[in-house]
Structure formats: C-alpha cells, structure tokens
Amino acid sequence: MKGKSASKTGKVGKRPGRVLDLSLYVSNRGFKSVKAIANVKKICHERFGDRCHVSVIDIEKDADLAKENQIVAIPTLIKTYPLPMRRVIGDLSDTERVLAGLNLRPAI
C-alpha cells in the first residue's frame, strides 16, 4: 500500500482487477496521519481486499505534488478511481463516513 502511482495531476488509469484507487496525503510526523494510514488500510482490507490500491504521499517529502493537488489539510484521502474524484479529510476513523464521503456506499 505504499508508493506513488498517481501522476502529478493525481489521475490514475484503471488497473485490471482493481475497483478502487486512493491517494492519502499525510505528514510523517503527525499522530492523525499515522492513525489515518492504519484506518485506510483497515477499510481497504475489510471492504475491498486486494481490489484497492492506496498511495501514501508524505507532503513534507513531496510538497509540489501536494500543492498541485490543492492539499490544504492533512490527512486527506482522495479517491482517484473510479471517477468522480472525491476527498475526505481527517483521521478516517469513521468507516461509514469515509465510504459515504468517497461515494462508495453502497455501490461497491
């Protein structure tokens, strides 16, 4: 669940077998960021299994990408596929709120 697969614009092409591509913008030093990483991994594992891909982007290491994608708060989770692109800000501890915010309930 690590690494960057999104382009500079945050757009990701469809991956065979995957139903969901997410980008999680975090700060390496923040408690909320650590919690958000754990929560998004849990959501993906429980709801989507291996059909979900998450790119974790540390804004301190990739400030240009964060600026290009207009990240104004962290942690920020962005659904890049399927469209439309959606964002959720926070520690992602409320699974139902995250799924609703990403427009993933009950469709997937």
C-alpha atoms as a PDB file:
ATOM      1  CA  MET A   1       0.000   0.000   0.000  1.00  0.00           C
ATOM      2  CA  LYS A   2       2.951   2.295  -0.344  1.00  0.00           C
ATOM      3  CA  GLY A   3       4.447   4.184  -3.187  1.00  0.00           C
ATOM      4  CA  LYS A   4       3.197   6.644  -5.724  1.00  0.00           C
ATOM      5  CA  SER A   5       1.278   5.567  -8.748  1.00  0.00           C
ATOM      6  CA  ALA A   6      -0.615   8.789  -9.320  1.00  0.00           C
ATOM      7  CA  SER A   7       0.594  11.251 -11.890  1.00  0.00           C
ATOM      8  CA  LYS A   8       1.362  14.840 -10.950  1.00  0.00           C
ATOM      9  CA  THR A   9      -2.318  15.644 -11.524  1.00  0.00           C
ATOM     10  CA  GLY A  10      -3.427  12.824  -9.240  1.00  0.00           C
ATOM     11  CA  LYS A  11      -5.007  10.912 -12.113  1.00  0.00           C
ATOM     12  CA  VAL A  12      -4.572   7.172 -12.237  1.00  0.00           C
ATOM     13  CA  GLY A  13      -5.599   4.873 -15.041  1.00  0.00           C
ATOM     14  CA  LYS A  14      -7.782   1.844 -14.400  1.00  0.00           C
ATOM     15  CA  ARG A  15      -5.842  -1.118 -13.058  1.00  0.00           C
ATOM     16  CA  PRO A  16      -7.033  -4.598 -14.089  1.00  0.00           C
ATOM     17  CA  GLY A  17      -8.859  -6.278 -11.206  1.00  0.00           C
ATOM     18  CA  ARG A  18      -8.910  -3.158  -9.062  1.00  0.00           C
ATOM     19  CA  VAL A  19     -12.089  -1.313  -8.242  1.00  0.00           C
ATOM     20  CA  LEU A  20     -10.560   1.484  -6.191  1.00  0.00           C
ATOM     21  CA  ASP A  21      -7.505   3.762  -6.297  1.00  0.00           C
ATOM     22  CA  LEU A  22      -6.842   6.103  -3.375  1.00  0.00           C
ATOM     23  CA  SER A  23      -4.167   8.676  -2.548  1.00  0.00           C
ATOM     24  CA  LEU A  24      -3.582   9.501   1.117  1.00  0.00           C
ATOM     25  CA  TYR A  25      -1.716  12.734   1.843  1.00  0.00           C
ATOM     26  CA  VAL A  26      -0.062  12.709   5.265  1.00  0.00           C
ATOM     27  CA  SER A  27       2.597  14.359   7.366  1.00  0.00           C
ATOM     28  CA  ASN A  28       5.226  11.888   8.510  1.00  0.00           C
ATOM     29  CA  ARG A  29       5.315  13.499  11.948  1.00  0.00           C
ATOM     30  CA  GLY A  30       1.604  13.745  12.693  1.00  0.00           C
ATOM     31  CA  PHE A  31      -0.365  11.471  15.010  1.00  0.00           C
ATOM     32  CA  LYS A  32      -3.513  11.909  12.904  1.00  0.00           C
ATOM     33  CA  SER A  33      -1.566  10.870   9.812  1.00  0.00           C
ATOM     34  CA  VAL A  34      -0.360   7.657  11.451  1.00  0.00           C
ATOM     35  CA  LYS A  35      -3.917   6.922  12.545  1.00  0.00           C
ATOM     36  CA  ALA A  36      -5.280   7.694   9.058  1.00  0.00           C
ATOM     37  CA  ILE A  37      -2.824   5.277   7.419  1.00  0.00           C
ATOM     38  CA  ALA A  38      -3.909   2.481   9.763  1.00  0.00           C
ATOM     39  CA  ASN A  39      -7.583   3.285   9.259  1.00  0.00           C
ATOM     40  CA  VAL A  40      -7.446   3.390   5.467  1.00  0.00           C
ATOM     41  CA  LYS A  41      -5.539   0.095   5.391  1.00  0.00           C
ATOM     42  CA  LYS A  42      -8.216  -1.447   7.615  1.00  0.00           C
ATOM     43  CA  ILE A  43     -11.065  -0.100   5.463  1.00  0.00           C
ATOM     44  CA  CYS A  44      -9.437  -1.343   2.270  1.00  0.00           C
ATOM     45  CA  HIS A  45      -8.654  -4.767   3.716  1.00  0.00           C
ATOM     46  CA  GLU A  46     -12.115  -5.298   5.212  1.00  0.00           C
ATOM     47  CA  ARG A  47     -14.193  -3.848   2.368  1.00  0.00           C
ATOM     48  CA  PHE A  48     -12.179  -4.313  -0.820  1.00  0.00           C
ATOM     49  CA  GLY A  49      -9.375  -6.801  -0.192  1.00  0.00           C
ATOM     50  CA  ASP A  50      -6.748  -6.725  -2.927  1.00  0.00           C
ATOM     51  CA  ARG A  51      -9.030  -4.724  -5.235  1.00  0.00           C
ATOM     52  CA  CYS A  52      -7.925  -1.483  -3.555  1.00  0.00           C
ATOM     53  CA  HIS A  53      -4.660   0.421  -4.086  1.00  0.00           C
ATOM     54  CA  VAL A  54      -3.518   3.201  -1.759  1.00  0.00           C
ATOM     55  CA  SER A  55      -0.661   5.606  -2.486  1.00  0.00           C
ATOM     56  CA  VAL A  56       0.644   7.225   0.703  1.00  0.00           C
ATOM     57  CA  ILE A  57       2.193  10.617  -0.031  1.00  0.00           C
ATOM     58  CA  ASP A  58       4.182  12.474   2.636  1.00  0.00           C
ATOM     59  CA  ILE A  59       3.654  16.183   1.972  1.00  0.00           C
ATOM     60  CA  GLU A  60       6.979  17.015   3.581  1.00  0.00           C
ATOM     61  CA  LYS A  61       8.800  14.885   1.004  1.00  0.00           C
ATOM     62  CA  ASP A  62       6.591  15.745  -1.975  1.00  0.00           C
ATOM     63  CA  ALA A  63       5.353  19.286  -1.363  1.00  0.00           C
ATOM     64  CA  ASP A  64       4.994  20.001  -5.084  1.00  0.00           C
ATOM     65  CA  LEU A  65       2.533  17.141  -5.570  1.00  0.00           C
ATOM     66  CA  ALA A  66       0.552  18.264  -2.526  1.00  0.00           C
ATOM     67  CA  LYS A  67       0.428  21.815  -3.881  1.00  0.00           C
ATOM     68  CA  GLU A  68      -0.644  20.651  -7.348  1.00  0.00           C
ATOM     69  CA  ASN A  69      -3.465  18.615  -5.853  1.00  0.00           C
ATOM     70  CA  GLN A  70      -4.509  21.525  -3.612  1.00  0.00           C
ATOM     71  CA  ILE A  71      -3.993  19.728  -0.310  1.00  0.00           C
ATOM     72  CA  VAL A  72      -4.922  22.248   2.373  1.00  0.00           C
ATOM     73  CA  ALA A  73      -5.336  19.905   5.344  1.00  0.00           C
ATOM     74  CA  ILE A  74      -3.842  16.603   6.381  1.00  0.00           C
ATOM     75  CA  PRO A  75      -4.555  13.819   6.432  1.00  0.00           C
ATOM     76  CA  THR A  76      -6.518  13.997   3.149  1.00  0.00           C
ATOM     77  CA  LEU A  77      -7.740  10.894   1.336  1.00  0.00           C
ATOM     78  CA  ILE A  78      -8.548  11.262  -2.368  1.00  0.00           C
ATOM     79  CA  LYS A  79     -10.417   8.705  -4.447  1.00  0.00           C
ATOM     80  CA  THR A  80      -8.818   8.892  -7.892  1.00  0.00           C
ATOM     81  CA  TYR A  81     -10.639   5.899  -9.418  1.00  0.00           C
ATOM     82  CA  PRO A  82     -13.464   5.372 -10.085  1.00  0.00           C
ATOM     83  CA  LEU A  83     -14.495   8.865 -11.037  1.00  0.00           C
ATOM     84  CA  PRO A  84     -15.677  11.286  -9.851  1.00  0.00           C
ATOM     85  CA  MET A  85     -12.707  12.214  -7.710  1.00  0.00           C
ATOM     86  CA  ARG A  86     -13.737  12.681  -4.062  1.00  0.00           C
ATOM     87  CA  ARG A  87     -11.897  13.845  -0.904  1.00  0.00           C
ATOM     88  CA  VAL A  88     -12.188  13.082   2.798  1.00  0.00           C
ATOM     89  CA  ILE A  89     -10.197  14.942   5.433  1.00  0.00           C
ATOM     90  CA  GLY A  90      -9.406  13.605   8.902  1.00  0.00           C
ATOM     91  CA  ASP A  91      -8.111  10.504  10.642  1.00  0.00           C
ATOM     92  CA  LEU A  92     -10.598   8.247   8.759  1.00  0.00           C
ATOM     93  CA  SER A  93     -11.771   6.555  11.965  1.00  0.00           C
ATOM     94  CA  ASP A  94     -15.470   6.598  10.990  1.00  0.00           C
ATOM     95  CA  THR A  95     -15.648   3.962   8.246  1.00  0.00           C
ATOM     96  CA  GLU A  96     -19.211   4.746   7.174  1.00  0.00           C
ATOM     97  CA  ARG A  97     -18.415   8.463   6.916  1.00  0.00           C
ATOM     98  CA  VAL A  98     -15.311   7.718   4.834  1.00  0.00           C
ATOM     99  CA  LEU A  99     -17.253   5.441   2.471  1.00  0.00           C
ATOM    100  CA  ALA A 100     -20.056   7.988   2.126  1.00  0.00           C
ATOM    101  CA  GLY A 101     -17.584  10.825   1.585  1.00  0.00           C
ATOM    102  CA  LEU A 102     -15.873   8.893  -1.194  1.00  0.00           C
ATOM    103  CA  ASN A 103     -19.265   7.989  -2.686  1.00  0.00           C
ATOM    104  CA  LEU A 104     -18.542   4.280  -2.204  1.00  0.00           C
ATOM    105  CA  ARG A 105     -21.626   3.318  -0.290  1.00  0.00           C
ATOM    106  CA  PRO A 106     -23.471   1.098  -1.195  1.00  0.00           C
ATOM    107  CA  ALA A 107     -22.294   0.889  -4.829  1.00  0.00           C
ATOM    108  CA  ILE A 108     -19.088  -1.153  -4.390  1.00  0.00           C
END
